[in-house]
Amino acid sequence: MRTLVIDSATEACSVALFDGDCLIAGECRVLGRGHAESLVPMIAALPGKGRADRIVVALGPGSFTGVRVGLAAARALALAWKVDLLGYASPSLIAAKARNLSGAVPVRVAMTGGHGEWFVTDFDAGGAMSGEPASLAPEAAASGGPGLVAGNQAEALVALRGSGTALPLLPDARDFAQLPTAALRADTAPLYGRPPDARLPGTAAP
């Protein structure tokens, strides 16, 4: 089975094409912005323009734009190709990479959030996620949790805590084969991690 993986939820934008667990081709760019302009050409540059038997997409949390861009592309291709669409939480891929580097140990994933907060997610030694990602102030994010911290805010969290091991990582679709099967979701609703900043007139702040 060929799988097209799309991950554009963070400042990294990546795509990968797999045959089973074997990576055929892939690309990762750290863009910050511009995912909408880059993602489709990156998919088109894959062998066979990325045509696959199923599509797997990162659901977030991350930037609202990045999450929406990835989901829109994945849903459009799944509809056009008449193939299954699955999703995963972005921290799951970072945690899988961290466990591959450091062994089967618990890990906290800390990623850039909005308004100075960090998206924080804990994983047990077996790779299972302990609850949904939470958006926390840095001081709260640094309180407790596993000693191994991964993600693009890992070094800042370990410095703030004063202990632990940091692995500065970003999600990369090319690492998809390391992701536990249990991390895949049939429900592809986005995981924004925090309420949107924009609200309808007259509604209360979250």
Protein backbone atom coordinates (compact mmCIF):
# COMPACT_ATOMS: atom_id res chain seq x y z
CA MET A 1 0.00 0.00 0.00
CA ARG A 2 1.28 3.45 -0.92
CA THR A 3 0.74 6.23 1.60
CA LEU A 4 1.00 9.97 1.00
CA VAL A 5 1.83 11.83 4.21
CA ILE A 6 1.21 15.58 4.54
CA ASP A 7 2.40 17.62 7.52
CA SER A 8 2.05 21.40 7.33
CA ALA A 9 0.66 22.18 10.80
CA THR A 10 3.83 23.86 12.12
CA GLU A 11 6.52 26.09 10.63
CA ALA A 12 7.84 22.95 8.95
CA CYS A 13 6.07 21.87 5.77
CA SER A 14 6.76 18.30 4.70
CA VAL A 15 5.43 15.59 2.40
CA ALA A 16 6.43 11.97 1.93
CA LEU A 17 5.42 9.00 -0.18
CA PHE A 18 5.75 5.51 1.31
CA ASP A 19 5.41 2.00 -0.07
CA GLY A 20 4.51 0.13 3.10
CA ASP A 21 7.12 1.34 5.61
CA CYS A 22 9.65 2.12 2.87
CA LEU A 23 10.16 5.80 2.09
CA ILE A 24 10.03 6.36 -1.67
CA ALA A 25 10.56 10.12 -1.64
CA GLY A 26 9.89 13.15 0.51
CA GLU A 27 10.79 16.73 1.30
CA CYS A 28 10.77 18.94 4.38
CA ARG A 29 11.06 22.73 4.35
CA VAL A 30 11.12 25.00 7.38
CA LEU A 31 9.08 27.89 6.04
CA GLY A 32 7.48 29.72 8.92
CA ARG A 33 4.95 31.09 6.42
CA GLY A 34 3.97 30.31 2.84
CA HIS A 35 2.63 26.78 3.31
CA ALA A 36 -0.29 27.42 0.96
CA GLU A 37 2.07 28.32 -1.90
CA SER A 38 4.54 25.50 -1.26
CA LEU A 39 2.51 22.42 -0.30
CA VAL A 40 0.84 21.49 -3.59
CA PRO A 41 4.06 21.88 -5.67
CA MET A 42 5.86 19.71 -3.11
CA ILE A 43 3.24 16.99 -3.52
CA ALA A 44 3.34 17.32 -7.31
CA ALA A 45 7.13 16.82 -7.26
CA LEU A 46 6.78 13.37 -5.68
CA PRO A 47 6.87 10.28 -7.95
CA GLY A 48 3.54 9.87 -9.69
CA LYS A 49 2.59 13.30 -8.29
CA GLY A 50 2.13 11.63 -4.92
CA ARG A 51 -0.62 9.27 -6.06
CA ALA A 52 -1.28 6.82 -3.23
CA ASP A 53 -3.73 4.26 -1.86
CA ARG A 54 -4.37 6.33 1.24
CA ILE A 55 -3.52 9.77 2.61
CA VAL A 56 -2.41 10.61 6.14
CA VAL A 57 -2.36 14.22 7.32
CA ALA A 58 -1.19 16.09 10.43
CA LEU A 59 -4.17 17.53 12.32
CA GLY A 60 -2.28 19.96 14.54
CA PRO A 61 -1.93 21.68 16.84
CA GLY A 62 0.05 24.42 15.19
CA SER A 63 -0.79 27.46 13.12
CA PHE A 64 -4.45 27.78 12.12
CA THR A 65 -3.40 28.42 8.52
CA GLY A 66 -0.96 25.51 8.37
CA VAL A 67 -3.50 23.06 9.79
CA ARG A 68 -6.20 24.20 7.36
CA VAL A 69 -3.88 24.13 4.32
CA GLY A 70 -2.79 20.56 4.99
CA LEU A 71 -6.30 19.32 5.67
CA ALA A 72 -7.73 21.03 2.59
CA ALA A 73 -5.10 19.46 0.32
CA ALA A 74 -5.50 16.02 1.91
CA ARG A 75 -9.30 16.07 1.71
CA ALA A 76 -9.27 17.24 -1.91
CA LEU A 77 -6.84 14.52 -2.99
CA ALA A 78 -8.65 11.80 -1.03
CA LEU A 79 -11.90 12.78 -2.75
CA ALA A 80 -10.30 12.95 -6.21
CA TRP A 81 -8.46 9.64 -5.84
CA LYS A 82 -11.28 7.94 -3.89
CA VAL A 83 -8.93 6.77 -1.15
CA ASP A 84 -9.04 6.67 2.65
CA LEU A 85 -7.99 9.69 4.69
CA LEU A 86 -6.49 9.36 8.17
CA GLY A 87 -4.98 11.89 10.54
CA TYR A 88 -2.60 12.14 13.47
CA ALA A 89 -1.74 14.71 16.12
CA SER A 90 1.47 16.49 15.18
CA PRO A 91 3.11 15.90 18.59
CA SER A 92 2.74 12.15 18.04
CA LEU A 93 5.23 12.27 15.17
CA ILE A 94 7.72 14.28 17.23
CA ALA A 95 7.33 11.87 20.15
CA ALA A 96 7.87 8.88 17.87
CA LYS A 97 11.09 10.42 16.54
CA ALA A 98 12.25 11.19 20.09
CA ARG A 99 11.60 7.63 21.22
CA ASN A 100 13.46 6.31 18.19
CA LEU A 101 16.47 8.41 19.21
CA SER A 102 16.30 7.88 22.97
CA GLY A 103 14.55 4.55 23.51
CA ALA A 104 11.19 3.60 24.99
CA VAL A 105 10.91 6.32 27.62
CA PRO A 106 8.20 8.88 28.44
CA VAL A 107 8.50 12.16 26.57
CA ARG A 108 6.93 15.60 26.77
CA VAL A 109 6.49 17.42 23.46
CA ALA A 110 6.63 21.22 23.61
CA MET A 111 5.82 23.21 20.47
CA THR A 112 5.31 26.88 19.70
CA GLY A 113 1.74 27.98 20.32
CA GLY A 114 0.04 31.34 20.11
CA HIS A 115 0.32 34.45 22.29
CA GLY A 116 3.54 33.25 23.89
CA GLU A 117 2.11 29.90 24.97
CA TRP A 118 3.38 26.42 24.11
CA PHE A 119 1.47 23.36 22.96
CA VAL A 120 2.37 20.62 25.43
CA THR A 121 1.62 16.90 25.12
CA ASP A 122 2.89 14.00 27.22
CA PHE A 123 3.51 10.46 25.98
CA ASP A 124 4.14 7.33 28.02
CA ALA A 125 6.99 4.87 27.47
CA GLY A 126 4.84 2.90 25.03
CA GLY A 127 4.19 5.96 22.86
CA ALA A 128 0.57 6.50 23.92
CA MET A 129 -0.58 10.11 24.22
CA SER A 130 -1.76 11.16 27.69
CA GLY A 131 -4.69 13.42 26.84
CA GLU A 132 -5.05 15.98 24.07
CA PRO A 133 -2.45 18.72 23.46
CA ALA A 134 -2.83 21.69 25.83
CA SER A 135 -1.86 25.31 25.28
CA LEU A 136 0.07 26.46 28.36
CA ALA A 137 2.13 29.40 29.51
CA PRO A 138 5.85 28.50 29.57
CA GLU A 139 5.97 28.37 33.39
CA ALA A 140 3.08 25.88 33.49
CA ALA A 141 4.58 23.87 30.62
CA ALA A 142 7.83 23.50 32.53
CA SER A 143 6.10 22.13 35.63
CA GLY A 144 6.42 18.37 36.07
CA GLY A 145 6.32 15.94 33.19
CA PRO A 146 8.92 13.54 31.76
CA GLY A 147 12.60 14.41 31.80
CA LEU A 148 12.92 13.96 28.04
CA VAL A 149 11.45 16.93 26.16
CA ALA A 150 11.14 17.12 22.37
CA GLY A 151 9.88 19.79 19.99
CA ASN A 152 10.95 23.22 18.86
CA GLN A 153 10.48 24.60 22.41
CA ALA A 154 12.26 21.69 24.10
CA GLU A 155 15.46 23.60 24.82
CA ALA A 156 13.54 26.57 26.24
CA LEU A 157 11.43 24.31 28.47
CA VAL A 158 14.45 22.39 29.81
CA ALA A 159 16.26 25.68 30.48
CA LEU A 160 13.23 27.04 32.31
CA ARG A 161 12.84 23.85 34.34
CA GLY A 162 16.54 23.58 35.04
CA SER A 163 16.72 19.87 34.33
CA GLY A 164 16.01 17.28 31.66
CA THR A 165 17.14 16.42 28.17
CA ALA A 166 16.05 18.46 25.15
CA LEU A 167 15.61 17.20 21.60
CA PRO A 168 14.84 20.20 19.32
CA LEU A 169 12.67 18.55 16.68
CA LEU A 170 10.00 19.56 14.18
CA PRO A 171 7.47 17.20 12.56
CA ASP A 172 8.75 15.62 9.35
CA ALA A 173 6.48 13.49 7.17
CA ARG A 174 9.51 11.41 6.18
CA ASP A 175 9.53 9.98 9.74
CA PHE A 176 6.01 8.58 9.33
CA ALA A 177 7.16 4.94 9.49
CA GLN A 178 8.19 5.55 13.13
CA LEU A 179 4.64 6.58 14.08
CA PRO A 180 2.69 3.91 16.02
CA THR A 181 -0.36 2.64 14.15
CA ALA A 182 -2.47 3.49 17.21
CA ALA A 183 -1.68 7.19 16.65
CA LEU A 184 -3.72 7.25 13.41
CA ARG A 185 -7.26 8.63 13.59
CA ALA A 186 -10.23 8.11 11.29
CA ASP A 187 -11.63 11.41 12.60
CA THR A 188 -9.76 14.15 10.76
CA ALA A 189 -11.19 17.11 12.66
CA PRO A 190 -8.43 19.68 13.21
CA LEU A 191 -6.67 19.88 16.57
CA TYR A 192 -6.12 23.60 16.98
CA GLY A 193 -5.04 23.28 20.62
CA ARG A 194 -6.63 26.58 21.65
CA PRO A 195 -9.70 28.66 20.72
CA PRO A 196 -9.40 30.91 17.65
CA ASP A 197 -8.47 34.54 18.21
CA ALA A 198 -11.25 35.79 15.90
CA ARG A 199 -14.77 35.76 17.35
CA LEU A 200 -18.18 36.74 16.08
CA PRO A 201 -19.32 40.20 17.23
CA GLY A 202 -21.05 40.05 20.61
CA THR A 203 -19.54 36.72 21.69
CA ALA A 204 -17.54 36.38 24.87
CA ALA A 205 -13.81 35.80 24.92
CA PRO A 206 -12.85 32.14 25.54
